[in-house]
Amino acid sequence: MKKLSVKKCLKCGALVKVFKDCECENCGIKCCGENMKILVPNSNDGAAEKHVPTYEIKDGEIIVTVNHVMDEDHYIEWISICFENKEYTTYLKPGEKAELHYKYIPGSVIYAYCNKHQLWKKEVE
């Protein structure tokens, strides 16, 4: 199962998916002159809007949804499914349905990114 590593600039909001980061002290990916923050995915949802992805399996396909508003100022930007050494991502826009369709792969991990509440994940059984 592949782990997705995402960093965010706390000044400008830039995001990067990290394949391999430097492990030296006082090093790593920088933006706006500062080290970018590693986003730790949340998997418990106490917010009014839902962030944790849910899924159903149908005819060998996984259908991932995020029960979340898709407004101009608050929405799910992307959903990824990661497995082995692969990643499949759907990028979303306000007004679209927060949904991803892919083949069902047991043991994969689903990630969803909210523009206000950051990174969320769900493991697939």
N, C-alpha and C. Protein backbone atom coordinates (compact mmCIF):
# COMPACT_ATOMS: atom_id res chain seq x y z
N MET A 1 0.85 -1.17 0.00
CA MET A 1 0.00 0.00 0.00
C MET A 1 0.90 1.23 0.00
N LYS A 2 0.58 2.19 -0.81
CA LYS A 2 1.37 3.41 -0.96
C LYS A 2 0.87 4.50 -0.03
N LYS A 3 1.80 5.17 0.62
CA LYS A 3 1.45 6.30 1.49
C LYS A 3 1.64 7.58 0.69
N LEU A 4 0.68 8.45 0.76
CA LEU A 4 0.75 9.73 0.07
C LEU A 4 1.30 10.77 1.03
N SER A 5 2.33 11.50 0.60
CA SER A 5 2.93 12.54 1.42
C SER A 5 2.67 13.89 0.75
N VAL A 6 2.02 14.80 1.49
CA VAL A 6 1.66 16.11 0.95
C VAL A 6 2.20 17.18 1.90
N LYS A 7 2.78 18.24 1.30
CA LYS A 7 3.26 19.38 2.10
C LYS A 7 2.53 20.63 1.63
N LYS A 8 2.35 21.57 2.60
CA LYS A 8 1.64 22.82 2.32
C LYS A 8 2.45 24.00 2.83
N CYS A 9 2.46 25.07 2.04
CA CYS A 9 3.06 26.33 2.47
C CYS A 9 2.02 27.07 3.31
N LEU A 10 2.40 27.42 4.53
CA LEU A 10 1.46 28.10 5.43
C LEU A 10 1.26 29.56 5.07
N LYS A 11 2.10 30.12 4.19
CA LYS A 11 1.94 31.51 3.78
C LYS A 11 1.05 31.65 2.55
N CYS A 12 1.36 30.91 1.49
CA CYS A 12 0.62 31.10 0.23
C CYS A 12 -0.36 29.99 -0.07
N GLY A 13 -0.29 28.86 0.65
CA GLY A 13 -1.22 27.77 0.44
C GLY A 13 -0.80 26.77 -0.63
N ALA A 14 0.39 26.93 -1.21
CA ALA A 14 0.86 26.00 -2.24
C ALA A 14 0.94 24.58 -1.67
N LEU A 15 0.60 23.59 -2.51
CA LEU A 15 0.66 22.18 -2.13
C LEU A 15 1.64 21.45 -3.02
N VAL A 16 2.36 20.48 -2.45
CA VAL A 16 3.20 19.59 -3.25
C VAL A 16 3.01 18.16 -2.76
N LYS A 17 2.96 17.24 -3.71
CA LYS A 17 3.00 15.82 -3.37
C LYS A 17 4.47 15.43 -3.39
N VAL A 18 4.94 14.83 -2.32
CA VAL A 18 6.35 14.54 -2.15
C VAL A 18 6.63 13.08 -2.48
N PHE A 19 7.56 12.87 -3.41
CA PHE A 19 7.98 11.50 -3.74
C PHE A 19 9.13 11.08 -2.85
N LYS A 20 10.06 12.00 -2.63
CA LYS A 20 11.18 11.76 -1.73
C LYS A 20 11.66 13.13 -1.25
N ASP A 21 11.76 13.30 0.06
CA ASP A 21 12.17 14.58 0.65
C ASP A 21 13.54 14.40 1.30
N CYS A 22 14.25 15.48 1.41
CA CYS A 22 15.54 15.49 2.10
C CYS A 22 15.30 15.24 3.58
N GLU A 23 16.18 14.47 4.19
CA GLU A 23 16.04 14.17 5.61
C GLU A 23 17.09 14.87 6.47
N CYS A 24 17.86 15.76 5.86
CA CYS A 24 18.86 16.52 6.62
C CYS A 24 18.15 17.49 7.57
N GLU A 25 18.81 17.83 8.67
CA GLU A 25 18.26 18.80 9.60
C GLU A 25 18.26 20.18 8.94
N ASN A 26 17.21 20.95 9.19
CA ASN A 26 17.04 22.29 8.60
C ASN A 26 17.07 22.27 7.08
N CYS A 27 16.50 21.27 6.50
CA CYS A 27 16.47 21.14 5.05
C CYS A 27 15.05 20.75 4.63
N GLY A 28 14.87 20.35 3.42
CA GLY A 28 13.55 19.94 2.94
C GLY A 28 12.99 20.96 1.96
N ILE A 29 11.75 20.77 1.57
CA ILE A 29 11.12 21.63 0.59
C ILE A 29 10.70 22.94 1.25
N LYS A 30 11.07 24.04 0.60
CA LYS A 30 10.74 25.37 1.12
C LYS A 30 9.85 26.11 0.13
N CYS A 31 9.04 27.01 0.66
CA CYS A 31 8.20 27.89 -0.14
C CYS A 31 8.07 29.19 0.64
N CYS A 32 8.06 30.31 -0.03
CA CYS A 32 7.97 31.62 0.62
C CYS A 32 9.05 31.78 1.70
N GLY A 33 10.20 31.11 1.48
CA GLY A 33 11.33 31.23 2.40
C GLY A 33 11.23 30.39 3.66
N GLU A 34 10.19 29.54 3.78
CA GLU A 34 10.02 28.72 4.98
C GLU A 34 9.80 27.27 4.61
N ASN A 35 10.13 26.36 5.55
CA ASN A 35 9.85 24.94 5.32
C ASN A 35 8.35 24.72 5.18
N MET A 36 7.98 23.86 4.26
CA MET A 36 6.57 23.53 4.08
C MET A 36 6.14 22.54 5.16
N LYS A 37 4.88 22.62 5.57
CA LYS A 37 4.32 21.77 6.63
C LYS A 37 3.87 20.43 6.04
N ILE A 38 4.26 19.34 6.68
CA ILE A 38 3.78 18.01 6.28
C ILE A 38 2.34 17.89 6.77
N LEU A 39 1.43 17.54 5.86
CA LEU A 39 0.03 17.35 6.24
C LEU A 39 -0.18 15.92 6.72
N VAL A 40 -0.70 15.79 7.92
CA VAL A 40 -1.02 14.48 8.47
C VAL A 40 -2.50 14.24 8.20
N PRO A 41 -2.82 13.19 7.44
CA PRO A 41 -4.23 12.96 7.11
C PRO A 41 -5.06 12.66 8.35
N ASN A 42 -6.24 13.25 8.39
CA ASN A 42 -7.19 13.00 9.46
C ASN A 42 -8.13 11.91 8.99
N SER A 43 -8.62 11.10 9.90
CA SER A 43 -9.57 10.06 9.52
C SER A 43 -10.82 10.07 10.40
N ASN A 44 -10.88 11.00 11.34
CA ASN A 44 -12.07 11.16 12.19
C ASN A 44 -12.72 12.48 11.83
N ASP A 45 -14.02 12.45 11.64
CA ASP A 45 -14.69 13.66 11.17
C ASP A 45 -15.65 14.19 12.23
N GLY A 46 -15.25 15.27 12.90
CA GLY A 46 -16.12 15.90 13.87
C GLY A 46 -16.72 17.19 13.34
N ALA A 47 -16.35 17.56 12.11
CA ALA A 47 -16.84 18.81 11.52
C ALA A 47 -18.27 18.64 11.03
N ALA A 48 -18.96 19.75 10.89
CA ALA A 48 -20.34 19.72 10.38
C ALA A 48 -20.36 19.16 8.97
N GLU A 49 -19.44 19.62 8.11
CA GLU A 49 -19.34 19.05 6.77
C GLU A 49 -18.55 17.75 6.89
N LYS A 50 -18.82 16.82 6.05
CA LYS A 50 -18.10 15.55 6.08
C LYS A 50 -16.87 15.64 5.21
N HIS A 51 -15.78 15.06 5.68
CA HIS A 51 -14.52 15.08 4.96
C HIS A 51 -13.98 13.68 4.68
N VAL A 52 -14.26 12.74 5.57
CA VAL A 52 -13.71 11.40 5.40
C VAL A 52 -14.37 10.75 4.19
N PRO A 53 -13.55 10.29 3.22
CA PRO A 53 -14.13 9.63 2.05
C PRO A 53 -14.86 8.36 2.45
N THR A 54 -15.92 8.05 1.72
CA THR A 54 -16.62 6.78 1.88
C THR A 54 -16.58 6.09 0.52
N TYR A 55 -16.86 4.79 0.52
CA TYR A 55 -16.81 4.07 -0.75
C TYR A 55 -17.80 2.92 -0.75
N GLU A 56 -18.13 2.49 -1.96
CA GLU A 56 -18.90 1.28 -2.15
C GLU A 56 -18.27 0.51 -3.30
N ILE A 57 -18.40 -0.80 -3.24
CA ILE A 57 -17.85 -1.67 -4.28
C ILE A 57 -19.02 -2.17 -5.11
N LYS A 58 -18.90 -2.03 -6.43
CA LYS A 58 -19.98 -2.46 -7.32
C LYS A 58 -19.36 -2.99 -8.61
N ASP A 59 -19.59 -4.27 -8.90
CA ASP A 59 -19.11 -4.90 -10.13
C ASP A 59 -17.62 -4.70 -10.35
N GLY A 60 -16.81 -4.88 -9.30
CA GLY A 60 -15.36 -4.78 -9.42
C GLY A 60 -14.83 -3.35 -9.46
N GLU A 61 -15.72 -2.38 -9.23
CA GLU A 61 -15.33 -0.98 -9.25
C GLU A 61 -15.54 -0.38 -7.86
N ILE A 62 -14.64 0.54 -7.49
CA ILE A 62 -14.83 1.28 -6.24
C ILE A 62 -15.38 2.66 -6.61
N ILE A 63 -16.42 3.05 -5.90
CA ILE A 63 -17.02 4.37 -6.11
C ILE A 63 -16.80 5.13 -4.81
N VAL A 64 -15.92 6.13 -4.89
CA VAL A 64 -15.55 6.94 -3.72
C VAL A 64 -16.35 8.23 -3.76
N THR A 65 -16.93 8.59 -2.63
CA THR A 65 -17.63 9.88 -2.52
C THR A 65 -17.19 10.57 -1.23
N VAL A 66 -17.29 11.89 -1.26
CA VAL A 66 -17.06 12.69 -0.06
C VAL A 66 -18.30 13.55 0.10
N ASN A 67 -19.02 13.34 1.20
CA ASN A 67 -20.25 14.07 1.47
C ASN A 67 -19.90 15.46 1.97
N HIS A 68 -19.64 16.37 1.04
CA HIS A 68 -19.09 17.67 1.39
C HIS A 68 -19.67 18.73 0.46
N VAL A 69 -19.78 19.95 0.95
CA VAL A 69 -20.22 21.05 0.08
C VAL A 69 -19.18 21.24 -1.02
N MET A 70 -19.62 21.74 -2.15
CA MET A 70 -18.71 22.02 -3.28
C MET A 70 -18.94 23.46 -3.72
N ASP A 71 -18.85 24.39 -2.76
CA ASP A 71 -19.04 25.81 -3.00
C ASP A 71 -17.75 26.45 -3.54
N GLU A 72 -17.87 27.64 -4.06
CA GLU A 72 -16.71 28.36 -4.61
C GLU A 72 -15.60 28.54 -3.57
N ASP A 73 -15.96 28.79 -2.33
CA ASP A 73 -14.95 29.07 -1.31
C ASP A 73 -14.67 27.90 -0.37
N HIS A 74 -15.35 26.76 -0.56
CA HIS A 74 -15.17 25.60 0.32
C HIS A 74 -15.55 24.35 -0.44
N TYR A 75 -14.54 23.55 -0.78
CA TYR A 75 -14.81 22.36 -1.59
C TYR A 75 -13.68 21.35 -1.50
N ILE A 76 -13.94 20.15 -1.99
CA ILE A 76 -12.93 19.11 -2.10
C ILE A 76 -12.16 19.36 -3.40
N GLU A 77 -10.86 19.61 -3.30
CA GLU A 77 -10.05 19.92 -4.48
C GLU A 77 -9.68 18.67 -5.28
N TRP A 78 -9.40 17.56 -4.57
CA TRP A 78 -9.04 16.33 -5.27
C TRP A 78 -9.26 15.11 -4.38
N ILE A 79 -9.41 13.98 -5.04
CA ILE A 79 -9.52 12.67 -4.38
C ILE A 79 -8.50 11.76 -5.06
N SER A 80 -7.71 11.04 -4.26
CA SER A 80 -6.72 10.09 -4.79
C SER A 80 -6.95 8.73 -4.18
N ILE A 81 -6.64 7.70 -4.96
CA ILE A 81 -6.61 6.34 -4.45
C ILE A 81 -5.20 5.82 -4.70
N CYS A 82 -4.55 5.31 -3.65
CA CYS A 82 -3.16 4.86 -3.72
C CYS A 82 -3.08 3.38 -3.40
N PHE A 83 -2.25 2.67 -4.14
CA PHE A 83 -2.06 1.24 -3.94
C PHE A 83 -0.71 0.86 -4.53
N GLU A 84 -0.05 -0.10 -3.89
CA GLU A 84 1.27 -0.56 -4.33
C GLU A 84 2.14 0.65 -4.66
N ASN A 85 2.56 0.81 -5.90
CA ASN A 85 3.38 1.97 -6.27
C ASN A 85 2.63 2.86 -7.27
N LYS A 86 1.31 2.89 -7.15
CA LYS A 86 0.50 3.66 -8.08
C LYS A 86 -0.43 4.63 -7.34
N GLU A 87 -0.84 5.66 -8.08
CA GLU A 87 -1.78 6.63 -7.54
C GLU A 87 -2.68 7.09 -8.69
N TYR A 88 -3.98 7.16 -8.41
CA TYR A 88 -4.94 7.68 -9.39
C TYR A 88 -5.66 8.84 -8.72
N THR A 89 -5.71 10.00 -9.39
CA THR A 89 -6.28 11.20 -8.78
C THR A 89 -7.33 11.82 -9.70
N THR A 90 -8.43 12.27 -9.09
CA THR A 90 -9.43 13.07 -9.77
C THR A 90 -9.39 14.46 -9.16
N TYR A 91 -9.20 15.47 -10.02
CA TYR A 91 -9.20 16.86 -9.57
C TYR A 91 -10.59 17.43 -9.77
N LEU A 92 -11.07 18.17 -8.78
CA LEU A 92 -12.45 18.65 -8.78
C LEU A 92 -12.53 20.17 -8.76
N LYS A 93 -13.68 20.67 -9.17
CA LYS A 93 -13.96 22.11 -9.16
C LYS A 93 -15.24 22.35 -8.38
N PRO A 94 -15.43 23.56 -7.87
CA PRO A 94 -16.69 23.88 -7.19
C PRO A 94 -17.88 23.54 -8.09
N GLY A 95 -18.93 23.02 -7.49
CA GLY A 95 -20.13 22.66 -8.24
C GLY A 95 -20.15 21.22 -8.73
N GLU A 96 -18.98 20.59 -8.83
CA GLU A 96 -18.93 19.19 -9.25
C GLU A 96 -19.22 18.27 -8.07
N LYS A 97 -19.57 17.04 -8.35
CA LYS A 97 -19.78 16.04 -7.31
C LYS A 97 -18.42 15.51 -6.87
N ALA A 98 -18.19 15.44 -5.56
CA ALA A 98 -16.93 14.93 -5.02
C ALA A 98 -16.95 13.40 -5.10
N GLU A 99 -16.50 12.88 -6.24
CA GLU A 99 -16.61 11.45 -6.51
C GLU A 99 -15.45 10.99 -7.37
N LEU A 100 -15.03 9.75 -7.16
CA LEU A 100 -13.98 9.10 -7.95
C LEU A 100 -14.42 7.68 -8.25
N HIS A 101 -14.19 7.22 -9.47
CA HIS A 101 -14.47 5.85 -9.87
C HIS A 101 -13.16 5.20 -10.31
N TYR A 102 -12.90 3.98 -9.81
CA TYR A 102 -11.69 3.27 -10.20
C TYR A 102 -11.94 1.78 -9.97
N LYS A 103 -11.01 0.95 -10.44
CA LYS A 103 -11.17 -0.48 -10.17
C LYS A 103 -10.92 -0.74 -8.69
N TYR A 104 -11.63 -1.72 -8.15
CA TYR A 104 -11.53 -2.06 -6.73
C TYR A 104 -10.21 -2.78 -6.47
N ILE A 105 -9.42 -2.25 -5.55
CA ILE A 105 -8.16 -2.86 -5.16
C ILE A 105 -8.13 -2.91 -3.63
N PRO A 106 -8.35 -4.11 -3.05
CA PRO A 106 -8.32 -4.23 -1.59
C PRO A 106 -6.98 -3.75 -1.04
N GLY A 107 -7.03 -3.07 0.11
CA GLY A 107 -5.82 -2.60 0.76
C GLY A 107 -5.35 -1.24 0.28
N SER A 108 -6.05 -0.66 -0.68
CA SER A 108 -5.65 0.68 -1.14
C SER A 108 -6.07 1.71 -0.09
N VAL A 109 -5.58 2.95 -0.27
CA VAL A 109 -5.90 4.03 0.65
C VAL A 109 -6.45 5.20 -0.16
N ILE A 110 -7.55 5.77 0.31
CA ILE A 110 -8.19 6.90 -0.35
C ILE A 110 -7.84 8.17 0.42
N TYR A 111 -7.49 9.23 -0.31
CA TYR A 111 -7.21 10.53 0.27
C TYR A 111 -8.13 11.56 -0.36
N ALA A 112 -8.59 12.52 0.43
CA ALA A 112 -9.39 13.64 -0.08
C ALA A 112 -8.82 14.91 0.52
N TYR A 113 -8.73 15.97 -0.32
CA TYR A 113 -8.18 17.23 0.15
C TYR A 113 -9.23 18.33 0.09
N CYS A 114 -9.55 18.91 1.26
CA CYS A 114 -10.49 20.03 1.37
C CYS A 114 -9.67 21.32 1.40
N ASN A 115 -10.10 22.31 0.63
CA ASN A 115 -9.34 23.56 0.56
C ASN A 115 -9.29 24.30 1.89
N LYS A 116 -10.18 24.00 2.82
CA LYS A 116 -10.16 24.66 4.13
C LYS A 116 -9.71 23.74 5.27
N HIS A 117 -10.00 22.46 5.17
CA HIS A 117 -9.74 21.55 6.28
C HIS A 117 -8.71 20.47 5.96
N GLN A 118 -8.01 20.64 4.87
CA GLN A 118 -6.84 19.87 4.48
C GLN A 118 -7.09 18.40 4.16
N LEU A 119 -6.20 17.52 4.60
CA LEU A 119 -6.11 16.16 4.10
C LEU A 119 -6.85 15.14 4.98
N TRP A 120 -7.59 14.23 4.31
CA TRP A 120 -8.37 13.19 4.99
C TRP A 120 -8.12 11.86 4.31
N LYS A 121 -8.25 10.76 5.05
CA LYS A 121 -8.01 9.47 4.42
C LYS A 121 -8.94 8.39 4.93
N LYS A 122 -9.04 7.34 4.14
CA LYS A 122 -9.84 6.16 4.47
C LYS A 122 -9.15 4.95 3.86
N GLU A 123 -8.96 3.91 4.65
CA GLU A 123 -8.38 2.67 4.13
C GLU A 123 -9.48 1.79 3.56
N VAL A 124 -9.16 1.15 2.45
CA VAL A 124 -10.11 0.27 1.77
C VAL A 124 -9.91 -1.16 2.24
N GLU A 125 -10.99 -1.80 2.61
CA GLU A 125 -10.91 -3.20 3.06
C GLU A 125 -11.04 -4.14 1.90
